[in-house]
Amino acid sequence: MRGNLETIVGAMFAGKTSELLKRILWAKHQNKKIIVIKPSIDNRYSNEKIITHNDLSHECYSMSNWETTLKKFVFEKSKVDMVFLDEIQFMDTNETLKNVEDLLNKGIDVVCAGLDQDSRGKPWETSSMLLGLSDKIIKIYGFCNVCGIEATKTYRKTEGGERTQVGAANIYEPRCLKHWEPR
């Protein structure tokens, strides 16, 4: 039987990793065999853990690429029930799609979390493609730092720079559409 793909998306500070942790804890409570993976570029708080902005955490494998990850783990249904992927926007699109599809075809459930858009309002390719394949989608919202209503956008506090700039509250904040501008 094919595995189930669930994808959690939203702006920064919406609680995507917290939502992922909730699912990890529930899977552990059910004695599921799990693997938690994040891209190695996300080294904001720790290399060995996924950590929320309010300091909740769980151990993980920090992945540099899928080739290395496939050598480290045996992704067979007898060995793993669920795979959790955090910060999917930073993962290689084609390799991630191929490997998630392989996991699902082996009957392994996959839960992903990540940004759906960058600070310029452009969709992240990996997130978008996984959303298209998902059996369940959860979009969550933060609260605008200016007015307090639902925030659907990530606002970069400084203009310019590369598209991918890993950071936290020092660089980004959640904003509603009224108070957001692409930067």
Protein backbone atom coordinates (compact mmCIF):
# COMPACT_ATOMS: atom_id res chain seq x y z
CA MET A 1 0.00 0.00 0.00
CA ARG A 2 1.24 3.46 -0.91
CA GLY A 3 2.36 5.80 1.86
CA ASN A 4 0.65 9.07 2.68
CA LEU A 5 2.24 12.48 1.97
CA GLU A 6 1.37 15.39 4.23
CA THR A 7 2.86 18.85 3.69
CA ILE A 8 2.82 21.72 6.20
CA VAL A 9 3.54 25.18 4.78
CA GLY A 10 3.36 28.83 5.77
CA ALA A 11 5.42 31.95 6.38
CA MET A 12 8.23 32.20 8.91
CA PHE A 13 7.13 32.15 12.56
CA ALA A 14 3.83 30.46 11.72
CA GLY A 15 4.69 27.29 13.65
CA LYS A 16 5.54 24.84 10.85
CA THR A 17 8.27 23.05 12.81
CA SER A 18 6.06 23.01 15.93
CA GLU A 19 3.34 21.32 13.85
CA LEU A 20 5.92 18.83 12.53
CA LEU A 21 7.11 18.12 16.09
CA LYS A 22 3.53 17.42 17.14
CA ARG A 23 3.33 14.74 14.46
CA ILE A 24 6.75 13.33 15.40
CA LEU A 25 5.70 13.01 19.05
CA TRP A 26 2.43 11.35 18.06
CA ALA A 27 4.28 8.85 15.83
CA LYS A 28 6.69 8.05 18.67
CA HIS A 29 3.74 7.61 21.04
CA GLN A 30 2.39 5.01 18.58
CA ASN A 31 5.81 3.27 18.56
CA LYS A 32 6.37 4.07 14.88
CA LYS A 33 9.88 3.72 13.48
CA ILE A 34 10.78 7.23 12.32
CA ILE A 35 13.56 9.17 10.63
CA VAL A 36 13.74 12.97 10.94
CA ILE A 37 15.76 14.87 8.33
CA LYS A 38 16.58 18.50 7.69
CA PRO A 39 18.96 20.11 5.17
CA SER A 40 22.42 20.91 6.54
CA ILE A 41 22.09 24.54 5.38
CA ASP A 42 19.68 25.07 8.29
CA ASN A 43 22.24 25.43 11.06
CA ARG A 44 20.55 28.34 12.87
CA TYR A 45 20.19 26.64 16.23
CA SER A 46 21.75 23.18 15.88
CA ASN A 47 23.12 20.74 13.32
CA GLU A 48 21.72 17.65 15.06
CA LYS A 49 18.21 18.86 15.91
CA ILE A 50 15.20 20.49 14.39
CA ILE A 51 14.43 23.38 16.73
CA THR A 52 11.48 25.75 16.80
CA HIS A 53 11.91 29.48 17.35
CA ASN A 54 10.60 28.93 20.90
CA ASP A 55 13.22 26.21 21.59
CA LEU A 56 11.27 22.95 21.23
CA SER A 57 13.43 20.30 19.56
CA HIS A 58 13.94 16.76 18.33
CA GLU A 59 17.05 14.92 17.11
CA CYS A 60 17.48 14.73 13.36
CA TYR A 61 19.86 13.83 10.58
CA SER A 62 21.36 16.90 8.93
CA MET A 63 21.36 16.06 5.22
CA SER A 64 23.89 17.48 2.78
CA ASN A 65 22.34 15.58 -0.15
CA TRP A 66 20.08 12.63 -0.89
CA GLU A 67 22.91 10.38 -2.09
CA THR A 68 24.60 10.47 1.33
CA THR A 69 21.26 10.10 3.12
CA LEU A 70 20.37 7.00 1.11
CA LYS A 71 23.68 5.43 2.16
CA LYS A 72 23.09 6.23 5.84
CA PHE A 73 19.55 4.82 6.18
CA VAL A 74 17.72 1.74 4.94
CA PHE A 75 14.45 3.14 3.64
CA GLU A 76 12.40 -0.07 3.69
CA LYS A 77 8.95 -0.50 5.24
CA SER A 78 10.32 -3.13 7.63
CA LYS A 79 12.81 -0.57 9.00
CA VAL A 80 10.88 2.72 8.90
CA ASP A 81 7.22 3.70 9.10
CA MET A 82 7.50 7.47 8.69
CA VAL A 83 9.98 10.04 7.41
CA PHE A 84 9.78 13.65 8.55
CA LEU A 85 11.41 16.37 6.43
CA ASP A 86 11.86 19.91 7.79
CA GLU A 87 12.81 23.03 5.81
CA ILE A 88 11.93 21.35 2.51
CA GLN A 89 12.38 24.60 0.59
CA PHE A 90 16.15 24.16 0.95
CA MET A 91 16.20 20.62 -0.47
CA ASP A 92 17.05 19.88 -4.10
CA THR A 93 13.72 19.81 -5.95
CA ASN A 94 14.25 16.94 -8.40
CA GLU A 95 16.07 14.65 -5.95
CA THR A 96 13.54 15.33 -3.19
CA LEU A 97 10.57 14.61 -5.45
CA LYS A 98 12.15 11.39 -6.69
CA ASN A 99 13.06 10.17 -3.21
CA VAL A 100 9.75 11.14 -1.61
CA GLU A 101 7.95 9.28 -4.41
CA ASP A 102 10.19 6.23 -3.78
CA LEU A 103 9.40 6.34 -0.04
CA LEU A 104 5.67 6.58 -0.71
CA ASN A 105 5.81 3.68 -3.17
CA LYS A 106 7.46 1.56 -0.44
CA GLY A 107 4.51 2.27 1.87
CA ILE A 108 6.40 4.77 4.03
CA ASP A 109 4.47 7.85 5.16
CA VAL A 110 6.17 11.23 4.67
CA VAL A 111 5.44 14.47 6.51
CA CYS A 112 7.12 17.64 5.17
CA ALA A 113 7.30 21.17 6.53
CA GLY A 114 8.67 24.33 4.96
CA LEU A 115 8.17 27.78 3.57
CA ASP A 116 5.81 28.05 0.62
CA GLN A 117 7.20 31.45 -0.50
CA ASP A 118 10.44 33.38 -0.16
CA SER A 119 10.62 36.93 1.22
CA ARG A 120 10.03 38.26 -2.29
CA GLY A 121 6.71 36.39 -2.54
CA LYS A 122 7.98 33.79 -5.03
CA PRO A 123 7.01 30.15 -4.46
CA TRP A 124 9.76 27.79 -3.36
CA GLU A 125 10.00 25.10 -6.04
CA THR A 126 10.43 22.06 -3.78
CA SER A 127 7.58 23.10 -1.51
CA SER A 128 5.30 23.82 -4.48
CA MET A 129 5.97 20.48 -6.13
CA LEU A 130 5.42 18.54 -2.91
CA LEU A 131 2.18 20.45 -2.31
CA GLY A 132 1.00 19.26 -5.72
CA LEU A 133 1.68 15.62 -4.77
CA SER A 134 0.33 15.81 -1.21
CA ASP A 135 -2.55 13.77 0.12
CA LYS A 136 -3.02 16.32 2.90
CA ILE A 137 -1.99 19.99 3.01
CA ILE A 138 -1.85 22.18 6.07
CA LYS A 139 -1.29 25.91 5.64
CA ILE A 140 -0.65 27.72 8.87
CA TYR A 141 -0.31 31.40 9.64
CA GLY A 142 1.67 33.58 11.99
CA PHE A 143 0.67 37.00 13.21
CA CYS A 144 1.76 40.25 11.59
CA ASN A 145 4.44 42.07 13.60
CA VAL A 146 2.84 45.39 12.64
CA CYS A 147 -0.91 44.90 13.20
CA GLY A 148 -1.38 41.42 14.69
CA ILE A 149 -3.70 39.94 12.05
CA GLU A 150 -2.93 36.69 10.19
CA ALA A 151 0.45 36.81 8.48
CA THR A 152 0.79 35.00 5.17
CA LYS A 153 4.13 36.53 4.17
CA THR A 154 7.74 36.52 5.34
CA TYR A 155 9.20 40.02 5.48
CA ARG A 156 12.97 40.48 5.18
CA LYS A 157 14.07 43.39 7.35
CA THR A 158 16.91 44.41 5.04
CA GLU A 159 16.72 44.82 1.28
CA GLY A 160 18.68 42.80 -1.26
CA GLY A 161 20.89 39.79 -0.78
CA GLU A 162 20.62 36.25 -2.03
CA ARG A 163 17.29 34.49 -2.23
CA THR A 164 18.41 31.96 0.36
CA GLN A 165 19.51 33.69 3.52
CA VAL A 166 19.13 31.43 6.54
CA GLY A 167 18.09 33.37 9.60
CA ALA A 168 15.52 33.98 12.27
CA ALA A 169 14.03 37.05 13.96
CA ASN A 170 17.30 38.89 13.35
CA ILE A 171 16.50 38.94 9.60
CA TYR A 172 12.80 38.07 9.14
CA GLU A 173 9.38 38.69 10.60
CA PRO A 174 5.83 37.62 9.75
CA ARG A 175 3.65 40.19 8.01
CA CYS A 176 0.14 40.45 6.61
CA LEU A 177 -0.25 41.38 2.97
CA LYS A 178 -1.03 45.02 3.88
CA HIS A 179 2.28 45.46 5.75
CA TRP A 180 4.50 43.25 3.59
CA GLU A 181 6.66 44.23 0.65
CA PRO A 182 8.98 42.01 -1.39
CA ARG A 183 12.62 42.40 -0.32
